Amino acid sequence: MSVVRSGKRAVVRLAGELDCATAPELETALLDLTGPDQPRVVVVDAAELTFADVVGLGLLIDTSVRLEPSGQLRVRAASRQVARVLTLLGHAHLVDDR
């Protein structure tokens, strides 16, 4: 995982597996990005993510809720499976399919 900040935007690049074993590191990074005077747009680049379980996806959803209404979280380059689960959970709006 890497985090790059630029003004009111941050890009979190994920690689490998996002599961209950790796989620705490992501949780720490995402909590840091949702504090006062932090980026208002968080883009999660999932191009190199090979697996995500409900714990990892839950972190993304929780972060999205914390950023609203003045900010947003977007998941870029999500695999078909990740996009489908987010959609089934009612969070299709998080998937950035550009």
PDB file of N, CA and C in Angstrom:
ATOM      1  N   MET A   1       0.841  -1.170   0.000  1.00  0.00           N
ATOM      2  CA  MET A   1       0.000   0.000   0.000  1.00  0.00           C
ATOM      3  C   MET A   1       0.889   1.236   0.000  1.00  0.00           C
ATOM      4  N   SER A   2       0.448   2.216  -0.781  1.00  0.00           N
ATOM      5  CA  SER A   2       1.122   3.509  -0.752  1.00  0.00           C
ATOM      6  C   SER A   2       0.064   4.600  -0.798  1.00  0.00           C
ATOM      7  N   VAL A   3       0.400   5.750  -0.219  1.00  0.00           N
ATOM      8  CA  VAL A   3      -0.504   6.901  -0.191  1.00  0.00           C
ATOM      9  C   VAL A   3       0.234   8.100  -0.764  1.00  0.00           C
ATOM     10  N   VAL A   4      -0.386   8.755  -1.747  1.00  0.00           N
ATOM     11  CA  VAL A   4       0.166   9.970  -2.329  1.00  0.00           C
ATOM     12  C   VAL A   4      -0.867  11.066  -2.158  1.00  0.00           C
ATOM     13  N   ARG A   5      -0.464  12.158  -1.508  1.00  0.00           N
ATOM     14  CA  ARG A   5      -1.365  13.296  -1.287  1.00  0.00           C
ATOM     15  C   ARG A   5      -1.000  14.439  -2.221  1.00  0.00           C
ATOM     16  N   SER A   6      -2.030  15.135  -2.675  1.00  0.00           N
ATOM     17  CA  SER A   6      -1.842  16.312  -3.510  1.00  0.00           C
ATOM     18  C   SER A   6      -3.003  17.250  -3.248  1.00  0.00           C
ATOM     19  N   GLY A   7      -2.768  18.262  -2.453  1.00  0.00           N
ATOM     20  CA  GLY A   7      -3.826  19.202  -2.100  1.00  0.00           C
ATOM     21  C   GLY A   7      -4.948  18.509  -1.352  1.00  0.00           C
ATOM     22  N   LYS A   8      -6.156  18.647  -1.864  1.00  0.00           N
ATOM     23  CA  LYS A   8      -7.336  18.049  -1.221  1.00  0.00           C
ATOM     24  C   LYS A   8      -7.675  16.679  -1.800  1.00  0.00           C
ATOM     25  N   ARG A   9      -6.681  16.025  -2.379  1.00  0.00           N
ATOM     26  CA  ARG A   9      -6.881  14.711  -3.004  1.00  0.00           C
ATOM     27  C   ARG A   9      -5.771  13.774  -2.526  1.00  0.00           C
ATOM     28  N   ALA A  10      -6.153  12.531  -2.310  1.00  0.00           N
ATOM     29  CA  ALA A  10      -5.172  11.499  -1.958  1.00  0.00           C
ATOM     30  C   ALA A  10      -5.464  10.256  -2.784  1.00  0.00           C
ATOM     31  N   VAL A  11      -4.409   9.587  -3.206  1.00  0.00           N
ATOM     32  CA  VAL A  11      -4.541   8.327  -3.930  1.00  0.00           C
ATOM     33  C   VAL A  11      -3.897   7.246  -3.077  1.00  0.00           C
ATOM     34  N   VAL A  12      -4.693   6.219  -2.769  1.00  0.00           N
ATOM     35  CA  VAL A  12      -4.222   5.067  -2.008  1.00  0.00           C
ATOM     36  C   VAL A  12      -4.104   3.912  -2.991  1.00  0.00           C
ATOM     37  N   ARG A  13      -2.886   3.436  -3.201  1.00  0.00           N
ATOM     38  CA  ARG A  13      -2.670   2.318  -4.131  1.00  0.00           C
ATOM     39  C   ARG A  13      -2.555   1.029  -3.323  1.00  0.00           C
ATOM     40  N   LEU A  14      -3.417   0.080  -3.685  1.00  0.00           N
ATOM     41  CA  LEU A  14      -3.428  -1.211  -3.009  1.00  0.00           C
ATOM     42  C   LEU A  14      -2.858  -2.271  -3.933  1.00  0.00           C
ATOM     43  N   ALA A  15      -2.155  -3.236  -3.345  1.00  0.00           N
ATOM     44  CA  ALA A  15      -1.609  -4.351  -4.116  1.00  0.00           C
ATOM     45  C   ALA A  15      -1.716  -5.611  -3.270  1.00  0.00           C
ATOM     46  N   GLY A  16      -1.937  -6.727  -3.921  1.00  0.00           N
ATOM     47  CA  GLY A  16      -2.033  -8.001  -3.204  1.00  0.00           C
ATOM     48  C   GLY A  16      -3.422  -8.210  -2.643  1.00  0.00           C
ATOM     49  N   GLU A  17      -3.472  -8.719  -1.426  1.00  0.00           N
ATOM     50  CA  GLU A  17      -4.745  -9.066  -0.795  1.00  0.00           C
ATOM     51  C   GLU A  17      -5.151  -8.064   0.270  1.00  0.00           C
ATOM     52  N   LEU A  18      -6.438  -7.749   0.300  1.00  0.00           N
ATOM     53  CA  LEU A  18      -7.021  -6.900   1.333  1.00  0.00           C
ATOM     54  C   LEU A  18      -7.986  -7.769   2.118  1.00  0.00           C
ATOM     55  N   ASP A  19      -7.545  -8.201   3.280  1.00  0.00           N
ATOM     56  CA  ASP A  19      -8.364  -9.095   4.099  1.00  0.00           C
ATOM     57  C   ASP A  19      -8.173  -8.748   5.570  1.00  0.00           C
ATOM     58  N   CYS A  20      -8.697  -9.587   6.432  1.00  0.00           N
ATOM     59  CA  CYS A  20      -8.642  -9.286   7.862  1.00  0.00           C
ATOM     60  C   CYS A  20      -7.205  -9.184   8.386  1.00  0.00           C
ATOM     61  N   ALA A  21      -6.248  -9.794   7.705  1.00  0.00           N
ATOM     62  CA  ALA A  21      -4.853  -9.716   8.138  1.00  0.00           C
ATOM     63  C   ALA A  21      -4.189  -8.410   7.709  1.00  0.00           C
ATOM     64  N   THR A  22      -4.590  -7.872   6.559  1.00  0.00           N
ATOM     65  CA  THR A  22      -3.953  -6.662   6.045  1.00  0.00           C
ATOM     66  C   THR A  22      -4.777  -5.398   6.267  1.00  0.00           C
ATOM     67  N   ALA A  23      -6.026  -5.559   6.649  1.00  0.00           N
ATOM     68  CA  ALA A  23      -6.938  -4.418   6.823  1.00  0.00           C
ATOM     69  C   ALA A  23      -6.479  -3.396   7.869  1.00  0.00           C
ATOM     70  N   PRO A  24      -5.857  -3.809   8.977  1.00  0.00           N
ATOM     71  CA  PRO A  24      -5.465  -2.794   9.965  1.00  0.00           C
ATOM     72  C   PRO A  24      -4.530  -1.709   9.413  1.00  0.00           C
ATOM     73  N   GLU A  25      -3.621  -2.073   8.528  1.00  0.00           N
ATOM     74  CA  GLU A  25      -2.728  -1.077   7.934  1.00  0.00           C
ATOM     75  C   GLU A  25      -3.522  -0.083   7.081  1.00  0.00           C
ATOM     76  N   LEU A  26      -4.449  -0.602   6.285  1.00  0.00           N
ATOM     77  CA  LEU A  26      -5.298   0.275   5.480  1.00  0.00           C
ATOM     78  C   LEU A  26      -6.185   1.132   6.367  1.00  0.00           C
ATOM     79  N   GLU A  27      -6.722   0.551   7.425  1.00  0.00           N
ATOM     80  CA  GLU A  27      -7.583   1.308   8.335  1.00  0.00           C
ATOM     81  C   GLU A  27      -6.849   2.507   8.918  1.00  0.00           C
ATOM     82  N   THR A  28      -5.608   2.309   9.330  1.00  0.00           N
ATOM     83  CA  THR A  28      -4.806   3.405   9.879  1.00  0.00           C
ATOM     84  C   THR A  28      -4.629   4.513   8.842  1.00  0.00           C
ATOM     85  N   ALA A  29      -4.296   4.132   7.619  1.00  0.00           N
ATOM     86  CA  ALA A  29      -4.092   5.124   6.560  1.00  0.00           C
ATOM     87  C   ALA A  29      -5.385   5.871   6.246  1.00  0.00           C
ATOM     88  N   LEU A  30      -6.502   5.156   6.165  1.00  0.00           N
ATOM     89  CA  LEU A  30      -7.774   5.797   5.837  1.00  0.00           C
ATOM     90  C   LEU A  30      -8.259   6.708   6.961  1.00  0.00           C
ATOM     91  N   LEU A  31      -8.047   6.304   8.207  1.00  0.00           N
ATOM     92  CA  LEU A  31      -8.419   7.177   9.325  1.00  0.00           C
ATOM     93  C   LEU A  31      -7.626   8.475   9.278  1.00  0.00           C
ATOM     94  N   ASP A  32      -6.358   8.379   8.924  1.00  0.00           N
ATOM     95  CA  ASP A  32      -5.514   9.566   8.811  1.00  0.00           C
ATOM     96  C   ASP A  32      -6.008  10.496   7.708  1.00  0.00           C
ATOM     97  N   LEU A  33      -6.600   9.931   6.669  1.00  0.00           N
ATOM     98  CA  LEU A  33      -7.073  10.736   5.537  1.00  0.00           C
ATOM     99  C   LEU A  33      -8.451  11.347   5.753  1.00  0.00           C
ATOM    100  N   THR A  34      -9.122  10.996   6.841  1.00  0.00           N
ATOM    101  CA  THR A  34     -10.472  11.528   7.055  1.00  0.00           C
ATOM    102  C   THR A  34     -10.543  12.515   8.216  1.00  0.00           C
ATOM    103  N   GLY A  35      -9.414  12.874   8.753  1.00  0.00           N
ATOM    104  CA  GLY A  35      -9.400  13.850   9.847  1.00  0.00           C
ATOM    105  C   GLY A  35      -9.606  15.264   9.338  1.00  0.00           C
ATOM    106  N   PRO A  36      -9.670  16.220  10.268  1.00  0.00           N
ATOM    107  CA  PRO A  36      -9.824  17.624   9.886  1.00  0.00           C
ATOM    108  C   PRO A  36      -8.656  18.073   8.990  1.00  0.00           C
ATOM    109  N   ASP A  37      -8.948  18.939   8.047  1.00  0.00           N
ATOM    110  CA  ASP A  37      -7.935  19.496   7.140  1.00  0.00           C
ATOM    111  C   ASP A  37      -7.198  18.436   6.329  1.00  0.00           C
ATOM    112  N   GLN A  38      -7.868  17.337   6.061  1.00  0.00           N
ATOM    113  CA  GLN A  38      -7.285  16.271   5.244  1.00  0.00           C
ATOM    114  C   GLN A  38      -7.933  16.291   3.861  1.00  0.00           C
ATOM    115  N   PRO A  39      -7.413  15.485   2.939  1.00  0.00           N
ATOM    116  CA  PRO A  39      -7.997  15.461   1.587  1.00  0.00           C
ATOM    117  C   PRO A  39      -9.489  15.176   1.610  1.00  0.00           C
ATOM    118  N   ARG A  40     -10.208  15.789   0.699  1.00  0.00           N
ATOM    119  CA  ARG A  40     -11.666  15.595   0.609  1.00  0.00           C
ATOM    120  C   ARG A  40     -12.018  14.569  -0.449  1.00  0.00           C
ATOM    121  N   VAL A  41     -11.077  14.220  -1.302  1.00  0.00           N
ATOM    122  CA  VAL A  41     -11.300  13.170  -2.285  1.00  0.00           C
ATOM    123  C   VAL A  41     -10.225  12.111  -2.068  1.00  0.00           C
ATOM    124  N   VAL A  42     -10.673  10.904  -1.795  1.00  0.00           N
ATOM    125  CA  VAL A  42      -9.761   9.784  -1.616  1.00  0.00           C
ATOM    126  C   VAL A  42     -10.040   8.792  -2.739  1.00  0.00           C
ATOM    127  N   VAL A  43      -9.034   8.559  -3.560  1.00  0.00           N
ATOM    128  CA  VAL A  43      -9.143   7.602  -4.658  1.00  0.00           C
ATOM    129  C   VAL A  43      -8.367   6.355  -4.247  1.00  0.00           C
ATOM    130  N   VAL A  44      -9.056   5.234  -4.247  1.00  0.00           N
ATOM    131  CA  VAL A  44      -8.406   3.955  -3.945  1.00  0.00           C
ATOM    132  C   VAL A  44      -8.140   3.281  -5.286  1.00  0.00           C
ATOM    133  N   ASP A  45      -6.858   3.158  -5.618  1.00  0.00           N
ATOM    134  CA  ASP A  45      -6.452   2.508  -6.865  1.00  0.00           C
ATOM    135  C   ASP A  45      -6.326   1.013  -6.580  1.00  0.00           C
ATOM    136  N   ALA A  46      -7.270   0.247  -7.115  1.00  0.00           N
ATOM    137  CA  ALA A  46      -7.327  -1.192  -6.848  1.00  0.00           C
ATOM    138  C   ALA A  46      -6.809  -2.033  -8.016  1.00  0.00           C
ATOM    139  N   ALA A  47      -6.060  -1.424  -8.929  1.00  0.00           N
ATOM    140  CA  ALA A  47      -5.591  -2.126 -10.125  1.00  0.00           C
ATOM    141  C   ALA A  47      -4.749  -3.354  -9.781  1.00  0.00           C
ATOM    142  N   GLU A  48      -3.991  -3.289  -8.708  1.00  0.00           N
ATOM    143  CA  GLU A  48      -3.116  -4.407  -8.348  1.00  0.00           C
ATOM    144  C   GLU A  48      -3.659  -5.214  -7.165  1.00  0.00           C
ATOM    145  N   LEU A  49      -4.909  -4.984  -6.820  1.00  0.00           N
ATOM    146  CA  LEU A  49      -5.551  -5.740  -5.739  1.00  0.00           C
ATOM    147  C   LEU A  49      -6.009  -7.081  -6.297  1.00  0.00           C
ATOM    148  N   THR A  50      -5.545  -8.166  -5.681  1.00  0.00           N
ATOM    149  CA  THR A  50      -5.891  -9.499  -6.185  1.00  0.00           C
ATOM    150  C   THR A  50      -7.045 -10.133  -5.437  1.00  0.00           C
ATOM    151  N   PHE A  51      -7.353  -9.632  -4.235  1.00  0.00           N
ATOM    152  CA  PHE A  51      -8.428 -10.209  -3.426  1.00  0.00           C
ATOM    153  C   PHE A  51      -8.860  -9.179  -2.402  1.00  0.00           C
ATOM    154  N   ALA A  52     -10.155  -9.135  -2.114  1.00  0.00           N
ATOM    155  CA  ALA A  52     -10.675  -8.274  -1.048  1.00  0.00           C
ATOM    156  C   ALA A  52     -11.821  -9.001  -0.368  1.00  0.00           C
ATOM    157  N   ASP A  53     -11.759  -9.085   0.964  1.00  0.00           N
ATOM    158  CA  ASP A  53     -12.859  -9.712   1.702  1.00  0.00           C
ATOM    159  C   ASP A  53     -13.775  -8.633   2.265  1.00  0.00           C
ATOM    160  N   VAL A  54     -14.786  -9.075   2.976  1.00  0.00           N
ATOM    161  CA  VAL A  54     -15.797  -8.152   3.501  1.00  0.00           C
ATOM    162  C   VAL A  54     -15.201  -7.151   4.499  1.00  0.00           C
ATOM    163  N   VAL A  55     -14.170  -7.540   5.209  1.00  0.00           N
ATOM    164  CA  VAL A  55     -13.526  -6.613   6.155  1.00  0.00           C
ATOM    165  C   VAL A  55     -12.894  -5.456   5.384  1.00  0.00           C
ATOM    166  N   GLY A  56     -12.157  -5.768   4.339  1.00  0.00           N
ATOM    167  CA  GLY A  56     -11.515  -4.731   3.540  1.00  0.00           C
ATOM    168  C   GLY A  56     -12.507  -3.831   2.837  1.00  0.00           C
ATOM    169  N   LEU A  57     -13.522  -4.433   2.234  1.00  0.00           N
ATOM    170  CA  LEU A  57     -14.538  -3.621   1.558  1.00  0.00           C
ATOM    171  C   LEU A  57     -15.330  -2.789   2.552  1.00  0.00           C
ATOM    172  N   GLY A  58     -15.538  -3.325   3.740  1.00  0.00           N
ATOM    173  CA  GLY A  58     -16.216  -2.568   4.793  1.00  0.00           C
ATOM    174  C   GLY A  58     -15.446  -1.316   5.174  1.00  0.00           C
ATOM    175  N   LEU A  59     -14.122  -1.400   5.191  1.00  0.00           N
ATOM    176  CA  LEU A  59     -13.295  -0.216   5.474  1.00  0.00           C
ATOM    177  C   LEU A  59     -13.508   0.870   4.427  1.00  0.00           C
ATOM    178  N   LEU A  60     -13.596   0.458   3.177  1.00  0.00           N
ATOM    179  CA  LEU A  60     -13.818   1.434   2.112  1.00  0.00           C
ATOM    180  C   LEU A  60     -15.179   2.094   2.259  1.00  0.00           C
ATOM    181  N   ILE A  61     -16.186   1.299   2.556  1.00  0.00           N
ATOM    182  CA  ILE A  61     -17.540   1.836   2.735  1.00  0.00           C
ATOM    183  C   ILE A  61     -17.585   2.767   3.941  1.00  0.00           C
ATOM    184  N   ASP A  62     -16.992   2.359   5.059  1.00  0.00           N
ATOM    185  CA  ASP A  62     -16.973   3.203   6.261  1.00  0.00           C
ATOM    186  C   ASP A  62     -16.262   4.527   5.997  1.00  0.00           C
ATOM    187  N   THR A  63     -15.162   4.478   5.253  1.00  0.00           N
ATOM    188  CA  THR A  63     -14.421   5.697   4.933  1.00  0.00           C
ATOM    189  C   THR A  63     -15.260   6.612   4.062  1.00  0.00           C
ATOM    190  N   SER A  64     -15.977   6.045   3.120  1.00  0.00           N
ATOM    191  CA  SER A  64     -16.862   6.833   2.273  1.00  0.00           C
ATOM    192  C   SER A  64     -17.890   7.584   3.114  1.00  0.00           C
ATOM    193  N   VAL A  65     -18.471   6.892   4.072  1.00  0.00           N
ATOM    194  CA  VAL A  65     -19.470   7.511   4.953  1.00  0.00           C
ATOM    195  C   VAL A  65     -18.837   8.631   5.775  1.00  0.00           C
ATOM    196  N   ARG A  66     -17.614   8.416   6.280  1.00  0.00           N
ATOM    197  CA  ARG A  66     -16.936   9.450   7.082  1.00  0.00           C
ATOM    198  C   ARG A  66     -16.624  10.699   6.253  1.00  0.00           C
ATOM    199  N   LEU A  67     -16.352  10.520   4.970  1.00  0.00           N
ATOM    200  CA  LEU A  67     -16.016  11.661   4.115  1.00  0.00           C
ATOM    201  C   LEU A  67     -17.235  12.475   3.694  1.00  0.00           C
ATOM    202  N   GLU A  68     -18.404  11.863   3.700  1.00  0.00           N
ATOM    203  CA  GLU A  68     -19.620  12.559   3.260  1.00  0.00           C
ATOM    204  C   GLU A  68     -20.044  13.583   4.300  1.00  0.00           C
ATOM    205  N   PRO A  69     -20.710  14.637   3.941  1.00  0.00           N
ATOM    206  CA  PRO A  69     -21.178  15.000   2.609  1.00  0.00           C
ATOM    207  C   PRO A  69     -20.190  15.872   1.838  1.00  0.00           C
ATOM    208  N   SER A  70     -19.128  16.345   2.474  1.00  0.00           N
ATOM    209  CA  SER A  70     -18.249  17.296   1.783  1.00  0.00           C
ATOM    210  C   SER A  70     -17.105  16.635   1.032  1.00  0.00           C
ATOM    211  N   GLY A  71     -16.957  15.326   1.151  1.00  0.00           N
ATOM    212  CA  GLY A  71     -15.885  14.633   0.447  1.00  0.00           C
ATOM    213  C   GLY A  71     -16.395  13.350  -0.169  1.00  0.00           C
ATOM    214  N   GLN A  72     -15.483  12.626  -0.789  1.00  0.00           N
ATOM    215  CA  GLN A  72     -15.898  11.375  -1.417  1.00  0.00           C
ATOM    216  C   GLN A  72     -14.739  10.398  -1.512  1.00  0.00           C
ATOM    217  N   LEU A  73     -15.086   9.135  -1.571  1.00  0.00           N
ATOM    218  CA  LEU A  73     -14.138   8.065  -1.821  1.00  0.00           C
ATOM    219  C   LEU A  73     -14.543   7.399  -3.124  1.00  0.00           C
ATOM    220  N   ARG A  74     -13.565   7.130  -3.968  1.00  0.00           N
ATOM    221  CA  ARG A  74     -13.801   6.448  -5.240  1.00  0.00           C
ATOM    222  C   ARG A  74     -12.842   5.277  -5.339  1.00  0.00           C
ATOM    223  N   VAL A  75     -13.322   4.147  -5.863  1.00  0.00           N
ATOM    224  CA  VAL A  75     -12.486   2.969  -6.068  1.00  0.00           C
ATOM    225  C   VAL A  75     -12.232   2.861  -7.572  1.00  0.00           C
ATOM    226  N   ARG A  76     -10.985   3.067  -7.950  1.00  0.00           N
ATOM    227  CA  ARG A  76     -10.597   3.060  -9.361  1.00  0.00           C
ATOM    228  C   ARG A  76      -9.981   1.710  -9.728  1.00  0.00           C
ATOM    229  N   ALA A  77     -10.278   1.241 -10.924  1.00  0.00           N
ATOM    230  CA  ALA A  77      -9.710   0.004 -11.477  1.00  0.00           C
ATOM    231  C   ALA A  77     -10.053  -1.221 -10.626  1.00  0.00           C
ATOM    232  N   ALA A  78     -11.270  -1.228 -10.100  1.00  0.00           N
ATOM    233  CA  ALA A  78     -11.716  -2.370  -9.289  1.00  0.00           C
ATOM    234  C   ALA A  78     -11.928  -3.587 -10.183  1.00  0.00           C
ATOM    235  N   SER A  79     -11.587  -4.741  -9.652  1.00  0.00           N
ATOM    236  CA  SER A  79     -11.866  -5.969 -10.389  1.00  0.00           C
ATOM    237  C   SER A  79     -13.374  -6.142 -10.510  1.00  0.00           C
ATOM    238  N   ARG A  80     -13.776  -7.005 -11.426  1.00  0.00           N
ATOM    239  CA  ARG A  80     -15.203  -7.264 -11.606  1.00  0.00           C
ATOM    240  C   ARG A  80     -15.842  -7.744 -10.307  1.00  0.00           C
ATOM    241  N   GLN A  81     -15.125  -8.590  -9.559  1.00  0.00           N
ATOM    242  CA  GLN A  81     -15.661  -9.133  -8.313  1.00  0.00           C
ATOM    243  C   GLN A  81     -15.828  -8.049  -7.249  1.00  0.00           C
ATOM    244  N   VAL A  82     -14.829  -7.201  -7.103  1.00  0.00           N
ATOM    245  CA  VAL A  82     -14.914  -6.114  -6.120  1.00  0.00           C
ATOM    246  C   VAL A  82     -16.056  -5.161  -6.492  1.00  0.00           C
ATOM    247  N   ALA A  83     -16.145  -4.801  -7.754  1.00  0.00           N
ATOM    248  CA  ALA A  83     -17.225  -3.910  -8.197  1.00  0.00           C
ATOM    249  C   ALA A  83     -18.584  -4.548  -7.957  1.00  0.00           C
ATOM    250  N   ARG A  84     -18.701  -5.833  -8.209  1.00  0.00           N
ATOM    251  CA  ARG A  84     -19.971  -6.525  -8.015  1.00  0.00           C
ATOM    252  C   ARG A  84     -20.380  -6.543  -6.544  1.00  0.00           C
ATOM    253  N   VAL A  85     -19.440  -6.846  -5.651  1.00  0.00           N
ATOM    254  CA  VAL A  85     -19.777  -6.892  -4.224  1.00  0.00           C
ATOM    255  C   VAL A  85     -20.180  -5.504  -3.735  1.00  0.00           C
ATOM    256  N   LEU A  86     -19.444  -4.468  -4.126  1.00  0.00           N
ATOM    257  CA  LEU A  86     -19.825  -3.114  -3.723  1.00  0.00           C
ATOM    258  C   LEU A  86     -21.214  -2.764  -4.241  1.00  0.00           C
ATOM    259  N   THR A  87     -21.521  -3.181  -5.463  1.00  0.00           N
ATOM    260  CA  THR A  87     -22.842  -2.934  -6.035  1.00  0.00           C
ATOM    261  C   THR A  87     -23.919  -3.679  -5.252  1.00  0.00           C
ATOM    262  N   LEU A  88     -23.676  -4.946  -4.954  1.00  0.00           N
ATOM    263  CA  LEU A  88     -24.654  -5.739  -4.199  1.00  0.00           C
ATOM    264  C   LEU A  88     -24.893  -5.159  -2.804  1.00  0.00           C
ATOM    265  N   LEU A  89     -23.869  -4.535  -2.234  1.00  0.00           N
ATOM    266  CA  LEU A  89     -24.000  -3.926  -0.909  1.00  0.00           C
ATOM    267  C   LEU A  89     -24.629  -2.533  -0.968  1.00  0.00           C
ATOM    268  N   GLY A  90     -24.983  -2.085  -2.180  1.00  0.00           N
ATOM    269  CA  GLY A  90     -25.624  -0.778  -2.322  1.00  0.00           C
ATOM    270  C   GLY A  90     -24.654   0.374  -2.448  1.00  0.00           C
ATOM    271  N   HIS A  91     -23.418   0.095  -2.836  1.00  0.00           N
ATOM    272  CA  HIS A  91     -22.396   1.139  -2.928  1.00  0.00           C
ATOM    273  C   HIS A  91     -21.749   1.204  -4.306  1.00  0.00           C
ATOM    274  N   ALA A  92     -22.549   0.996  -5.334  1.00  0.00           N
ATOM    275  CA  ALA A  92     -22.037   1.067  -6.717  1.00  0.00           C
ATOM    276  C   ALA A  92     -21.449   2.445  -7.021  1.00  0.00           C
ATOM    277  N   HIS A  93     -21.943   3.480  -6.342  1.00  0.00           N
ATOM    278  CA  HIS A  93     -21.467   4.836  -6.579  1.00  0.00           C
ATOM    279  C   HIS A  93     -19.985   5.006  -6.227  1.00  0.00           C
ATOM    280  N   LEU A  94     -19.416   4.088  -5.474  1.00  0.00           N
ATOM    281  CA  LEU A  94     -18.009   4.174  -5.121  1.00  0.00           C
ATOM    282  C   LEU A  94     -17.095   3.747  -6.269  1.00  0.00           C
ATOM    283  N   VAL A  95     -17.623   2.948  -7.181  1.00  0.00           N
ATOM    284  CA  VAL A  95     -16.819   2.375  -8.255  1.00  0.00           C
ATOM    285  C   VAL A  95     -16.639   3.407  -9.355  1.00  0.00           C
ATOM    286  N   ASP A  96     -15.386   3.736  -9.625  1.00  0.00           N
ATOM    287  CA  ASP A  96     -15.028   4.678 -10.682  1.00  0.00           C
ATOM    288  C   ASP A  96     -14.578   3.844 -11.872  1.00  0.00           C
ATOM    289  N   ASP A  97     -15.441   3.683 -12.866  1.00  0.00           N
ATOM    290  CA  ASP A  97     -15.106   2.812 -13.981  1.00  0.00           C
ATOM    291  C   ASP A  97     -14.535   3.541 -15.176  1.00  0.00           C
ATOM    292  N   ARG A  98     -13.895   4.661 -14.910  1.00  0.00           N
ATOM    293  CA  ARG A  98     -13.199   5.375 -15.994  1.00  0.00           C
ATOM    294  C   ARG A  98     -11.920   4.662 -16.331  1.00  0.00           C
TER     295      ARG A  98
END
